[in-house]
Amino acid sequence: MNSHFFLRGLIIGISIAAPVGPIGILCIRRSLTQGQLSGFVSGLGAATADAVYGCVAAFGLTFISDVLIEQKFWIRLVGGAFLLYLGIRTILAEPVREQGATVRSSPIGAYASTFILTLTNPMTILSFAAVFAALGVGSMGGDYLSAGLVVGGVFLGSATWWLTLSTIVSLFRKRFSVKSLRWVNRAAGAILCGFGVFALVSVPFLRTPLLVSWSV
């Protein structure tokens, strides 16, 4: 039975998604200001990107990981700039006029923004390498079934986390006044800008060669 590979994938998906970062801030903010659906769809974008990186690790696609690591300077540069853009937009965004009303938003835009943000973080793939090694799930060679189960588990675990987070946050949505939501936008935007500035400031250091071993 290969069910243990799926369970390990679930653990990996949750452990990668759970730490609070820019994606978590976006999910929380969108769940409060735009509703549960927007928050969950935002999380699905991140879950999809997690599954992509899971494929790279589980199927042993080292040529892709090598390219990502080699181009980490430009990837981090784009990711940092995108975070700044989202942060400024969030600060300037006006909350809904009526408490509890739903903001018109594009699910595709919410999904795409978090998908791109997750993919443009070169540290994500290094995190996957570390977690895969810790749980004894490395490149599986020709065992495509086991690799597929791990990737499916990663996606479902990540998606479950975002569904849980967006559901819990949205329960408190009606308790926020328009003024409170405006401060939520400002606080979330400031945090996103902070992540963006940190990413851009650390870009020069990414020129330093980084040796990563995928043999686990």
N, C-alpha and C. Protein backbone atom coordinates (compact mmCIF):
# COMPACT_ATOMS: atom_id res chain seq x y z
N MET A 1 0.84 -1.20 0.00
CA MET A 1 0.00 0.00 0.00
C MET A 1 0.89 1.26 0.00
N ASN A 2 0.50 2.24 -0.79
CA ASN A 2 1.25 3.48 -0.87
C ASN A 2 0.56 4.62 -0.14
N SER A 3 -0.39 4.27 0.74
CA SER A 3 -1.16 5.32 1.42
C SER A 3 -0.26 6.20 2.28
N HIS A 4 0.85 5.63 2.79
CA HIS A 4 1.72 6.44 3.65
C HIS A 4 2.37 7.58 2.87
N PHE A 5 2.54 7.41 1.56
CA PHE A 5 3.08 8.50 0.75
C PHE A 5 2.08 9.66 0.69
N PHE A 6 0.81 9.32 0.57
CA PHE A 6 -0.22 10.36 0.53
C PHE A 6 -0.28 11.09 1.86
N LEU A 7 -0.20 10.35 2.97
CA LEU A 7 -0.24 10.96 4.30
C LEU A 7 0.96 11.87 4.52
N ARG A 8 2.13 11.43 4.03
CA ARG A 8 3.32 12.28 4.16
C ARG A 8 3.15 13.55 3.32
N GLY A 9 2.53 13.40 2.16
CA GLY A 9 2.25 14.57 1.33
C GLY A 9 1.34 15.55 2.05
N LEU A 10 0.31 15.03 2.74
CA LEU A 10 -0.59 15.89 3.52
C LEU A 10 0.19 16.68 4.57
N ILE A 11 1.07 15.99 5.28
CA ILE A 11 1.87 16.64 6.32
C ILE A 11 2.75 17.73 5.72
N ILE A 12 3.36 17.43 4.56
CA ILE A 12 4.22 18.40 3.90
C ILE A 12 3.40 19.62 3.48
N GLY A 13 2.22 19.39 2.89
CA GLY A 13 1.38 20.49 2.43
C GLY A 13 0.98 21.41 3.56
N ILE A 14 0.59 20.84 4.69
CA ILE A 14 0.19 21.65 5.84
C ILE A 14 1.38 22.39 6.44
N SER A 15 2.52 21.70 6.57
CA SER A 15 3.69 22.31 7.19
C SER A 15 4.26 23.44 6.35
N ILE A 16 4.13 23.36 5.03
CA ILE A 16 4.62 24.43 4.16
C ILE A 16 3.65 25.62 4.19
N ALA A 17 2.34 25.34 4.25
CA ALA A 17 1.34 26.41 4.17
C ALA A 17 1.13 27.13 5.50
N ALA A 18 1.29 26.42 6.62
CA ALA A 18 0.90 26.96 7.91
C ALA A 18 1.69 28.18 8.40
N PRO A 19 3.02 28.24 8.23
CA PRO A 19 3.74 29.42 8.74
C PRO A 19 3.20 30.72 8.15
N VAL A 20 3.03 31.72 9.02
CA VAL A 20 2.47 33.00 8.58
C VAL A 20 3.49 33.75 7.74
N GLY A 21 3.08 34.14 6.55
CA GLY A 21 3.92 34.89 5.63
C GLY A 21 3.04 35.79 4.79
N PRO A 22 3.57 36.30 3.66
CA PRO A 22 2.75 37.19 2.83
C PRO A 22 1.49 36.54 2.29
N ILE A 23 1.54 35.23 1.99
CA ILE A 23 0.34 34.54 1.50
C ILE A 23 -0.71 34.47 2.60
N GLY A 24 -0.28 34.17 3.81
CA GLY A 24 -1.22 34.12 4.93
C GLY A 24 -1.86 35.48 5.20
N ILE A 25 -1.05 36.53 5.11
CA ILE A 25 -1.57 37.88 5.31
C ILE A 25 -2.61 38.21 4.25
N LEU A 26 -2.33 37.87 3.00
CA LEU A 26 -3.29 38.12 1.91
C LEU A 26 -4.58 37.34 2.11
N CYS A 27 -4.45 36.08 2.51
CA CYS A 27 -5.63 35.23 2.72
C CYS A 27 -6.50 35.79 3.85
N ILE A 28 -5.87 36.19 4.94
CA ILE A 28 -6.62 36.74 6.08
C ILE A 28 -7.30 38.05 5.69
N ARG A 29 -6.56 38.93 5.04
CA ARG A 29 -7.11 40.21 4.65
C ARG A 29 -8.27 40.07 3.68
N ARG A 30 -8.12 39.20 2.69
CA ARG A 30 -9.18 39.02 1.70
C ARG A 30 -10.39 38.32 2.30
N SER A 31 -10.17 37.43 3.26
CA SER A 31 -11.30 36.77 3.93
C SER A 31 -12.11 37.78 4.73
N LEU A 32 -11.43 38.75 5.34
CA LEU A 32 -12.10 39.77 6.14
C LEU A 32 -12.81 40.80 5.27
N THR A 33 -12.15 41.26 4.22
CA THR A 33 -12.68 42.37 3.43
C THR A 33 -13.50 41.94 2.23
N GLN A 34 -13.25 40.72 1.71
CA GLN A 34 -13.94 40.29 0.49
C GLN A 34 -14.75 39.01 0.67
N GLY A 35 -14.59 38.34 1.80
CA GLY A 35 -15.36 37.14 2.06
C GLY A 35 -14.54 35.87 1.98
N GLN A 36 -15.13 34.78 2.47
CA GLN A 36 -14.42 33.50 2.55
C GLN A 36 -13.95 33.01 1.19
N LEU A 37 -14.79 33.15 0.16
CA LEU A 37 -14.44 32.62 -1.16
C LEU A 37 -13.15 33.24 -1.68
N SER A 38 -13.02 34.56 -1.54
CA SER A 38 -11.82 35.23 -2.01
C SER A 38 -10.59 34.75 -1.25
N GLY A 39 -10.74 34.58 0.07
CA GLY A 39 -9.63 34.09 0.87
C GLY A 39 -9.23 32.68 0.50
N PHE A 40 -10.23 31.83 0.29
CA PHE A 40 -9.94 30.43 -0.04
C PHE A 40 -9.32 30.30 -1.43
N VAL A 41 -9.85 31.05 -2.40
CA VAL A 41 -9.30 31.02 -3.76
C VAL A 41 -7.86 31.51 -3.75
N SER A 42 -7.58 32.51 -2.92
CA SER A 42 -6.20 32.98 -2.78
C SER A 42 -5.31 31.85 -2.27
N GLY A 43 -5.82 31.11 -1.29
CA GLY A 43 -5.06 29.98 -0.78
C GLY A 43 -4.86 28.88 -1.80
N LEU A 44 -5.86 28.68 -2.66
CA LEU A 44 -5.73 27.66 -3.71
C LEU A 44 -4.60 27.99 -4.68
N GLY A 45 -4.40 29.28 -4.94
CA GLY A 45 -3.28 29.67 -5.79
C GLY A 45 -1.96 29.23 -5.20
N ALA A 46 -1.81 29.44 -3.89
CA ALA A 46 -0.60 29.01 -3.21
C ALA A 46 -0.50 27.49 -3.18
N ALA A 47 -1.63 26.81 -2.96
CA ALA A 47 -1.63 25.35 -2.92
C ALA A 47 -1.20 24.77 -4.27
N THR A 48 -1.64 25.39 -5.37
CA THR A 48 -1.25 24.93 -6.69
C THR A 48 0.25 25.08 -6.90
N ALA A 49 0.79 26.24 -6.48
CA ALA A 49 2.23 26.45 -6.60
C ALA A 49 3.00 25.45 -5.72
N ASP A 50 2.47 25.15 -4.54
CA ASP A 50 3.09 24.14 -3.68
C ASP A 50 3.12 22.79 -4.38
N ALA A 51 2.03 22.45 -5.08
CA ALA A 51 1.98 21.19 -5.81
C ALA A 51 2.99 21.16 -6.94
N VAL A 52 3.20 22.31 -7.59
CA VAL A 52 4.20 22.40 -8.66
C VAL A 52 5.59 22.10 -8.10
N TYR A 53 5.93 22.74 -6.98
CA TYR A 53 7.22 22.48 -6.35
C TYR A 53 7.30 21.05 -5.82
N GLY A 54 6.14 20.53 -5.38
CA GLY A 54 6.11 19.13 -4.95
C GLY A 54 6.44 18.19 -6.09
N CYS A 55 5.96 18.51 -7.29
CA CYS A 55 6.29 17.69 -8.48
C CYS A 55 7.78 17.72 -8.74
N VAL A 56 8.38 18.89 -8.63
CA VAL A 56 9.83 19.02 -8.88
C VAL A 56 10.61 18.13 -7.93
N ALA A 57 10.22 18.13 -6.65
CA ALA A 57 10.94 17.34 -5.65
C ALA A 57 10.62 15.85 -5.75
N ALA A 58 9.32 15.51 -5.88
CA ALA A 58 8.91 14.10 -5.86
C ALA A 58 9.33 13.35 -7.12
N PHE A 59 9.27 14.00 -8.28
CA PHE A 59 9.63 13.35 -9.52
C PHE A 59 11.10 13.52 -9.88
N GLY A 60 11.86 14.17 -8.99
CA GLY A 60 13.29 14.31 -9.22
C GLY A 60 13.63 15.16 -10.42
N LEU A 61 12.87 16.23 -10.64
CA LEU A 61 13.11 17.11 -11.80
C LEU A 61 14.21 18.11 -11.44
N THR A 62 15.43 17.59 -11.29
CA THR A 62 16.53 18.42 -10.82
C THR A 62 16.90 19.52 -11.81
N PHE A 63 16.64 19.28 -13.10
CA PHE A 63 16.99 20.32 -14.07
C PHE A 63 16.14 21.57 -13.85
N ILE A 64 14.88 21.39 -13.39
CA ILE A 64 14.03 22.54 -13.10
C ILE A 64 14.49 23.24 -11.83
N SER A 65 14.80 22.46 -10.81
CA SER A 65 15.26 23.06 -9.55
C SER A 65 16.58 23.79 -9.75
N ASP A 66 17.45 23.24 -10.59
CA ASP A 66 18.73 23.90 -10.86
C ASP A 66 18.52 25.26 -11.52
N VAL A 67 17.58 25.31 -12.48
CA VAL A 67 17.29 26.57 -13.16
C VAL A 67 16.71 27.59 -12.17
N LEU A 68 15.79 27.13 -11.33
CA LEU A 68 15.16 28.04 -10.37
C LEU A 68 16.19 28.61 -9.40
N ILE A 69 17.10 27.75 -8.95
CA ILE A 69 18.12 28.20 -8.00
C ILE A 69 19.13 29.11 -8.68
N GLU A 70 19.49 28.81 -9.92
CA GLU A 70 20.42 29.66 -10.65
C GLU A 70 19.84 31.05 -10.92
N GLN A 71 18.53 31.10 -11.14
CA GLN A 71 17.87 32.38 -11.46
C GLN A 71 17.20 33.00 -10.25
N LYS A 72 17.62 32.58 -9.05
CA LYS A 72 16.96 33.05 -7.83
C LYS A 72 17.08 34.56 -7.66
N PHE A 73 18.14 35.16 -8.20
CA PHE A 73 18.31 36.62 -8.10
C PHE A 73 17.15 37.34 -8.77
N TRP A 74 16.87 36.98 -10.03
CA TRP A 74 15.81 37.65 -10.78
C TRP A 74 14.42 37.25 -10.28
N ILE A 75 14.29 35.99 -9.87
CA ILE A 75 13.00 35.54 -9.35
C ILE A 75 12.65 36.30 -8.07
N ARG A 76 13.63 36.45 -7.19
CA ARG A 76 13.40 37.18 -5.94
C ARG A 76 13.12 38.66 -6.22
N LEU A 77 13.81 39.22 -7.23
CA LEU A 77 13.60 40.61 -7.60
C LEU A 77 12.15 40.84 -8.05
N VAL A 78 11.67 39.95 -8.91
CA VAL A 78 10.29 40.07 -9.40
C VAL A 78 9.30 39.86 -8.26
N GLY A 79 9.55 38.86 -7.42
CA GLY A 79 8.66 38.59 -6.30
C GLY A 79 8.59 39.74 -5.32
N GLY A 80 9.73 40.36 -5.01
CA GLY A 80 9.76 41.49 -4.10
C GLY A 80 9.00 42.69 -4.65
N ALA A 81 9.20 42.97 -5.95
CA ALA A 81 8.50 44.08 -6.59
C ALA A 81 6.99 43.84 -6.61
N PHE A 82 6.59 42.59 -6.86
CA PHE A 82 5.17 42.25 -6.89
C PHE A 82 4.55 42.40 -5.51
N LEU A 83 5.29 42.04 -4.46
CA LEU A 83 4.81 42.20 -3.10
C LEU A 83 4.61 43.68 -2.77
N LEU A 84 5.54 44.51 -3.19
CA LEU A 84 5.40 45.94 -2.96
C LEU A 84 4.16 46.48 -3.67
N TYR A 85 3.94 46.03 -4.89
CA TYR A 85 2.77 46.45 -5.66
C TYR A 85 1.48 46.06 -4.94
N LEU A 86 1.41 44.80 -4.49
CA LEU A 86 0.21 44.35 -3.78
C LEU A 86 0.04 45.09 -2.46
N GLY A 87 1.16 45.36 -1.78
CA GLY A 87 1.09 46.07 -0.51
C GLY A 87 0.54 47.48 -0.67
N ILE A 88 1.02 48.19 -1.67
CA ILE A 88 0.54 49.55 -1.91
C ILE A 88 -0.93 49.54 -2.31
N ARG A 89 -1.32 48.59 -3.17
CA ARG A 89 -2.72 48.49 -3.57
C ARG A 89 -3.61 48.20 -2.36
N THR A 90 -3.11 47.36 -1.47
CA THR A 90 -3.89 47.01 -0.28
C THR A 90 -4.06 48.21 0.64
N ILE A 91 -3.00 48.99 0.82
CA ILE A 91 -3.08 50.18 1.68
C ILE A 91 -4.09 51.18 1.13
N LEU A 92 -4.13 51.34 -0.18
CA LEU A 92 -5.00 52.33 -0.82
C LEU A 92 -6.42 51.82 -1.02
N ALA A 93 -6.63 50.51 -0.83
CA ALA A 93 -7.96 49.94 -1.08
C ALA A 93 -8.96 50.44 -0.05
N GLU A 94 -10.16 50.77 -0.51
CA GLU A 94 -11.22 51.22 0.38
C GLU A 94 -12.12 50.03 0.73
N PRO A 95 -12.47 49.87 2.00
CA PRO A 95 -13.36 48.77 2.40
C PRO A 95 -14.78 49.00 1.88
N VAL A 96 -15.61 47.98 2.02
CA VAL A 96 -16.98 48.09 1.55
C VAL A 96 -17.73 49.16 2.34
N ARG A 97 -18.75 49.74 1.70
CA ARG A 97 -19.53 50.79 2.34
C ARG A 97 -20.41 50.25 3.45
N GLU A 98 -20.94 49.04 3.23
CA GLU A 98 -21.85 48.48 4.21
C GLU A 98 -21.21 47.28 4.89
N GLN A 99 -21.34 47.26 6.18
CA GLN A 99 -20.76 46.17 6.95
C GLN A 99 -21.37 44.84 6.53
N GLY A 100 -20.48 43.84 6.27
CA GLY A 100 -20.94 42.51 5.90
C GLY A 100 -21.21 42.36 4.43
N ALA A 101 -21.13 43.46 3.64
CA ALA A 101 -21.37 43.35 2.21
C ALA A 101 -20.19 42.66 1.54
N THR A 102 -20.39 42.24 0.31
CA THR A 102 -19.35 41.52 -0.41
C THR A 102 -18.69 42.41 -1.44
N VAL A 103 -17.38 42.45 -1.44
CA VAL A 103 -16.64 43.22 -2.41
C VAL A 103 -16.57 42.46 -3.72
N ARG A 104 -16.78 43.16 -4.81
CA ARG A 104 -16.63 42.53 -6.11
C ARG A 104 -15.15 42.32 -6.38
N SER A 105 -14.77 41.09 -6.56
CA SER A 105 -13.36 40.79 -6.81
C SER A 105 -13.28 39.67 -7.83
N SER A 106 -12.15 39.60 -8.48
CA SER A 106 -11.93 38.58 -9.49
C SER A 106 -11.29 37.36 -8.86
N PRO A 107 -11.98 36.21 -8.86
CA PRO A 107 -11.37 34.99 -8.33
C PRO A 107 -10.09 34.62 -9.08
N ILE A 108 -10.09 34.89 -10.38
CA ILE A 108 -8.90 34.59 -11.19
C ILE A 108 -7.72 35.45 -10.72
N GLY A 109 -8.00 36.74 -10.47
CA GLY A 109 -6.94 37.63 -9.99
C GLY A 109 -6.43 37.21 -8.62
N ALA A 110 -7.35 36.83 -7.72
CA ALA A 110 -6.95 36.39 -6.38
C ALA A 110 -6.10 35.13 -6.45
N TYR A 111 -6.51 34.21 -7.31
CA TYR A 111 -5.78 32.94 -7.49
C TYR A 111 -4.40 33.20 -8.10
N ALA A 112 -4.37 33.99 -9.17
CA ALA A 112 -3.12 34.22 -9.90
C ALA A 112 -2.09 34.95 -9.05
N SER A 113 -2.55 35.92 -8.24
CA SER A 113 -1.59 36.70 -7.45
C SER A 113 -0.83 35.83 -6.46
N THR A 114 -1.52 34.94 -5.74
CA THR A 114 -0.84 34.09 -4.76
C THR A 114 -0.05 32.97 -5.45
N PHE A 115 -0.53 32.53 -6.61
CA PHE A 115 0.22 31.52 -7.38
C PHE A 115 1.57 32.09 -7.79
N ILE A 116 1.57 33.31 -8.32
CA ILE A 116 2.80 33.95 -8.77
C ILE A 116 3.71 34.24 -7.58
N LEU A 117 3.14 34.74 -6.49
CA LEU A 117 3.95 35.06 -5.31
C LEU A 117 4.67 33.83 -4.78
N THR A 118 3.96 32.70 -4.73
CA THR A 118 4.56 31.48 -4.20
C THR A 118 5.65 30.96 -5.14
N LEU A 119 5.40 31.03 -6.43
CA LEU A 119 6.39 30.55 -7.40
C LEU A 119 7.64 31.43 -7.44
N THR A 120 7.47 32.72 -7.14
CA THR A 120 8.61 33.63 -7.23
C THR A 120 9.40 33.71 -5.92
N ASN A 121 9.16 32.79 -5.02
CA ASN A 121 9.95 32.71 -3.80
C ASN A 121 10.91 31.52 -3.92
N PRO A 122 12.18 31.76 -4.25
CA PRO A 122 13.12 30.65 -4.45
C PRO A 122 13.35 29.84 -3.18
N MET A 123 13.02 30.40 -2.01
CA MET A 123 13.20 29.67 -0.78
C MET A 123 12.16 28.56 -0.62
N THR A 124 11.06 28.65 -1.36
CA THR A 124 10.02 27.64 -1.25
C THR A 124 10.54 26.27 -1.65
N ILE A 125 11.27 26.22 -2.75
CA ILE A 125 11.76 24.94 -3.21
C ILE A 125 12.81 24.37 -2.26
N LEU A 126 13.57 25.25 -1.61
CA LEU A 126 14.53 24.78 -0.61
C LEU A 126 13.79 24.25 0.61
N SER A 127 12.67 24.87 0.95
CA SER A 127 11.86 24.38 2.06
C SER A 127 11.32 22.98 1.76
N PHE A 128 10.88 22.79 0.51
CA PHE A 128 10.38 21.48 0.11
C PHE A 128 11.49 20.44 0.21
N ALA A 129 12.69 20.79 -0.22
CA ALA A 129 13.80 19.85 -0.15
C ALA A 129 14.07 19.43 1.28
N ALA A 130 14.03 20.41 2.22
CA ALA A 130 14.30 20.12 3.62
C ALA A 130 13.21 19.24 4.24
N VAL A 131 11.94 19.58 3.96
CA VAL A 131 10.83 18.81 4.53
C VAL A 131 10.77 17.41 3.92
N PHE A 132 11.00 17.31 2.61
CA PHE A 132 11.01 15.99 1.97
C PHE A 132 12.08 15.11 2.60
N ALA A 133 13.25 15.68 2.84
CA ALA A 133 14.35 14.90 3.43
C ALA A 133 14.00 14.48 4.85
N ALA A 134 13.41 15.42 5.63
CA ALA A 134 13.08 15.12 7.03
C ALA A 134 12.06 13.99 7.14
N LEU A 135 11.13 13.93 6.19
CA LEU A 135 10.08 12.90 6.23
C LEU A 135 10.44 11.66 5.42
N GLY A 136 11.64 11.64 4.88
CA GLY A 136 12.06 10.47 4.12
C GLY A 136 11.36 10.31 2.80
N VAL A 137 11.00 11.43 2.17
CA VAL A 137 10.33 11.39 0.86
C VAL A 137 11.22 12.15 -0.12
N GLY A 138 12.06 11.44 -0.83
CA GLY A 138 12.93 12.07 -1.80
C GLY A 138 12.49 11.76 -3.20
N SER A 139 13.39 11.95 -4.15
CA SER A 139 13.09 11.61 -5.53
C SER A 139 12.76 10.13 -5.63
N MET A 140 11.66 9.79 -6.25
CA MET A 140 11.18 8.41 -6.26
C MET A 140 11.47 7.67 -7.55
N GLY A 141 12.39 8.22 -8.33
CA GLY A 141 12.79 7.53 -9.55
C GLY A 141 11.63 7.27 -10.47
N GLY A 142 11.41 5.99 -10.78
CA GLY A 142 10.34 5.63 -11.71
C GLY A 142 9.03 5.29 -11.03
N ASP A 143 8.95 5.44 -9.72
CA ASP A 143 7.72 5.13 -9.00
C ASP A 143 6.76 6.32 -9.11
N TYR A 144 6.12 6.44 -10.25
CA TYR A 144 5.28 7.60 -10.52
C TYR A 144 4.01 7.60 -9.68
N LEU A 145 3.52 6.41 -9.30
CA LEU A 145 2.32 6.35 -8.47
C LEU A 145 2.57 6.95 -7.11
N SER A 146 3.68 6.56 -6.48
CA SER A 146 4.02 7.10 -5.16
C SER A 146 4.27 8.59 -5.23
N ALA A 147 4.99 9.01 -6.28
CA ALA A 147 5.27 10.43 -6.45
C ALA A 147 3.98 11.22 -6.63
N GLY A 148 3.05 10.66 -7.43
CA GLY A 148 1.77 11.32 -7.64
C GLY A 148 0.96 11.41 -6.37
N LEU A 149 1.02 10.38 -5.53
CA LEU A 149 0.30 10.41 -4.26
C LEU A 149 0.87 11.48 -3.33
N VAL A 150 2.18 11.64 -3.33
CA VAL A 150 2.80 12.67 -2.50
C VAL A 150 2.36 14.05 -2.96
N VAL A 151 2.40 14.27 -4.27
CA VAL A 151 2.01 15.58 -4.82
C VAL A 151 0.53 15.87 -4.53
N GLY A 152 -0.33 14.84 -4.71
CA GLY A 152 -1.75 15.01 -4.39
C GLY A 152 -1.95 15.33 -2.93
N GLY A 153 -1.17 14.70 -2.06
CA GLY A 153 -1.26 14.98 -0.63
C GLY A 153 -0.81 16.39 -0.30
N VAL A 154 0.25 16.84 -0.97
CA VAL A 154 0.75 18.21 -0.76
C VAL A 154 -0.34 19.23 -1.11
N PHE A 155 -0.97 19.04 -2.27
CA PHE A 155 -2.01 19.98 -2.69
C PHE A 155 -3.19 19.96 -1.73
N LEU A 156 -3.67 18.76 -1.37
CA LEU A 156 -4.83 18.66 -0.50
C LEU A 156 -4.52 19.20 0.90
N GLY A 157 -3.32 18.91 1.40
CA GLY A 157 -2.95 19.42 2.72
C GLY A 157 -2.90 20.93 2.76
N SER A 158 -2.28 21.52 1.72
CA SER A 158 -2.20 22.97 1.64
C SER A 158 -3.58 23.58 1.47
N ALA A 159 -4.40 23.00 0.58
CA ALA A 159 -5.75 23.53 0.34
C ALA A 159 -6.61 23.43 1.59
N THR A 160 -6.45 22.35 2.36
CA THR A 160 -7.22 22.18 3.59
C THR A 160 -6.86 23.26 4.60
N TRP A 161 -5.58 23.58 4.68
CA TRP A 161 -5.16 24.64 5.60
C TRP A 161 -5.79 25.98 5.21
N TRP A 162 -5.76 26.31 3.92
CA TRP A 162 -6.31 27.60 3.49
C TRP A 162 -7.82 27.65 3.64
N LEU A 163 -8.49 26.52 3.44
CA LEU A 163 -9.93 26.47 3.65
C LEU A 163 -10.26 26.70 5.12
N THR A 164 -9.50 26.06 5.99
CA THR A 164 -9.73 26.22 7.43
C THR A 164 -9.47 27.66 7.86
N LEU A 165 -8.36 28.24 7.40
CA LEU A 165 -8.01 29.60 7.79
C LEU A 165 -9.06 30.61 7.29
N SER A 166 -9.43 30.51 6.01
CA SER A 166 -10.39 31.46 5.44
C SER A 166 -11.76 31.33 6.10
N THR A 167 -12.14 30.10 6.47
CA THR A 167 -13.43 29.89 7.13
C THR A 167 -13.45 30.51 8.52
N ILE A 168 -12.39 30.27 9.29
CA ILE A 168 -12.33 30.82 10.65
C ILE A 168 -12.30 32.34 10.63
N VAL A 169 -11.48 32.91 9.76
CA VAL A 169 -11.36 34.37 9.69
C VAL A 169 -12.68 35.01 9.26
N SER A 170 -13.35 34.41 8.28
CA SER A 170 -14.59 34.98 7.76
C SER A 170 -15.70 34.99 8.81
N LEU A 171 -15.61 34.11 9.82
CA LEU A 171 -16.62 34.09 10.88
C LEU A 171 -16.63 35.38 11.69
N PHE A 172 -15.48 36.07 11.73
CA PHE A 172 -15.37 37.31 12.50
C PHE A 172 -15.58 38.54 11.62
N ARG A 173 -15.91 38.34 10.35
CA ARG A 173 -15.99 39.45 9.40
C ARG A 173 -17.04 40.48 9.79
N LYS A 174 -18.19 40.03 10.22
CA LYS A 174 -19.29 40.96 10.53
C LYS A 174 -19.02 41.79 11.77
N ARG A 175 -18.03 41.41 12.55
CA ARG A 175 -17.71 42.17 13.75
C ARG A 175 -16.85 43.39 13.45
N PHE A 176 -16.37 43.49 12.22
CA PHE A 176 -15.50 44.59 11.85
C PHE A 176 -16.32 45.71 11.20
N SER A 177 -16.12 46.92 11.69
CA SER A 177 -16.76 48.07 11.09
C SER A 177 -15.96 48.50 9.85
N VAL A 178 -16.53 49.44 9.09
CA VAL A 178 -15.82 49.95 7.92
C VAL A 178 -14.48 50.57 8.33
N LYS A 179 -14.48 51.29 9.43
CA LYS A 179 -13.24 51.90 9.92
C LYS A 179 -12.22 50.83 10.28
N SER A 180 -12.67 49.77 10.93
CA SER A 180 -11.77 48.68 11.31
C SER A 180 -11.18 48.00 10.08
N LEU A 181 -12.03 47.79 9.06
CA LEU A 181 -11.57 47.15 7.83
C LEU A 181 -10.54 48.03 7.11
N ARG A 182 -10.73 49.35 7.23
CA ARG A 182 -9.75 50.25 6.62
C ARG A 182 -8.39 50.07 7.28
N TRP A 183 -8.38 49.90 8.60
CA TRP A 183 -7.12 49.66 9.30
C TRP A 183 -6.56 48.28 9.00
N VAL A 184 -7.43 47.31 8.75
CA VAL A 184 -6.97 45.99 8.33
C VAL A 184 -6.22 46.10 7.01
N ASN A 185 -6.79 46.88 6.08
CA ASN A 185 -6.13 47.09 4.79
C ASN A 185 -4.76 47.74 4.98
N ARG A 186 -4.71 48.76 5.82
CA ARG A 186 -3.45 49.47 6.02
C ARG A 186 -2.40 48.58 6.68
N ALA A 187 -2.84 47.84 7.69
CA ALA A 187 -1.89 46.97 8.40
C ALA A 187 -1.39 45.85 7.49
N ALA A 188 -2.33 45.22 6.77
CA ALA A 188 -1.94 44.14 5.87
C ALA A 188 -1.04 44.66 4.75
N GLY A 189 -1.38 45.84 4.21
CA GLY A 189 -0.55 46.42 3.16
C GLY A 189 0.85 46.75 3.65
N ALA A 190 0.94 47.28 4.87
CA ALA A 190 2.25 47.61 5.43
C ALA A 190 3.10 46.36 5.62
N ILE A 191 2.46 45.29 6.07
CA ILE A 191 3.19 44.03 6.26
C ILE A 191 3.66 43.48 4.92
N LEU A 192 2.80 43.52 3.91
CA LEU A 192 3.18 43.06 2.58
C LEU A 192 4.33 43.89 2.02
N CYS A 193 4.27 45.21 2.22
CA CYS A 193 5.37 46.07 1.76
C CYS A 193 6.65 45.71 2.50
N GLY A 194 6.52 45.38 3.79
CA GLY A 194 7.69 44.98 4.57
C GLY A 194 8.33 43.72 4.00
N PHE A 195 7.49 42.73 3.67
CA PHE A 195 8.02 41.52 3.04
C PHE A 195 8.68 41.85 1.71
N GLY A 196 8.06 42.76 0.95
CA GLY A 196 8.62 43.13 -0.35
C GLY A 196 9.96 43.81 -0.21
N VAL A 197 10.07 44.75 0.73
CA VAL A 197 11.33 45.45 0.96
C VAL A 197 12.41 44.47 1.40
N PHE A 198 12.05 43.56 2.30
CA PHE A 198 13.02 42.56 2.76
C PHE A 198 13.52 41.72 1.60
N ALA A 199 12.60 41.31 0.72
CA ALA A 199 12.98 40.50 -0.44
C ALA A 199 13.94 41.27 -1.34
N LEU A 200 13.65 42.56 -1.58
CA LEU A 200 14.49 43.36 -2.46
C LEU A 200 15.85 43.66 -1.83
N VAL A 201 15.86 43.92 -0.52
CA VAL A 201 17.12 44.20 0.17
C VAL A 201 18.03 42.97 0.17
N SER A 202 17.42 41.78 0.26
CA SER A 202 18.22 40.55 0.30
C SER A 202 18.65 40.08 -1.07
N VAL A 203 18.16 40.71 -2.14
CA VAL A 203 18.50 40.29 -3.50
C VAL A 203 20.01 40.25 -3.75
N PRO A 204 20.79 41.30 -3.36
CA PRO A 204 22.22 41.25 -3.64
C PRO A 204 22.92 40.04 -3.05
N PHE A 205 22.44 39.56 -1.88
CA PHE A 205 23.06 38.43 -1.23
C PHE A 205 22.80 37.13 -1.97
N LEU A 206 21.78 37.13 -2.86
CA LEU A 206 21.46 35.92 -3.60
C LEU A 206 22.47 35.64 -4.70
N ARG A 207 23.38 36.58 -4.92
CA ARG A 207 24.42 36.34 -5.91
C ARG A 207 25.47 35.37 -5.38
N THR A 208 25.49 35.17 -4.05
CA THR A 208 26.42 34.24 -3.45
C THR A 208 26.05 32.82 -3.84
N PRO A 209 27.00 32.02 -4.35
CA PRO A 209 26.70 30.64 -4.76
C PRO A 209 26.08 29.85 -3.61
N LEU A 210 25.06 29.07 -3.91
CA LEU A 210 24.37 28.27 -2.92
C LEU A 210 24.34 26.83 -3.39
N LEU A 211 24.92 25.94 -2.60
CA LEU A 211 24.97 24.53 -2.95
C LEU A 211 23.81 23.81 -2.30
N VAL A 212 23.00 23.15 -3.10
CA VAL A 212 21.85 22.43 -2.58
C VAL A 212 21.90 20.99 -3.05
N SER A 213 21.77 20.07 -2.16
CA SER A 213 21.79 18.66 -2.53
C SER A 213 20.37 18.11 -2.52
N TRP A 214 20.00 17.45 -3.60
CA TRP A 214 18.67 16.86 -3.71
C TRP A 214 18.70 15.35 -3.47
N SER A 215 19.87 14.82 -3.11
CA SER A 215 19.96 13.38 -2.88
C SER A 215 19.55 13.09 -1.46
N VAL A 216 18.39 12.44 -1.29
CA VAL A 216 17.88 12.15 0.05
C VAL A 216 17.58 10.68 0.16
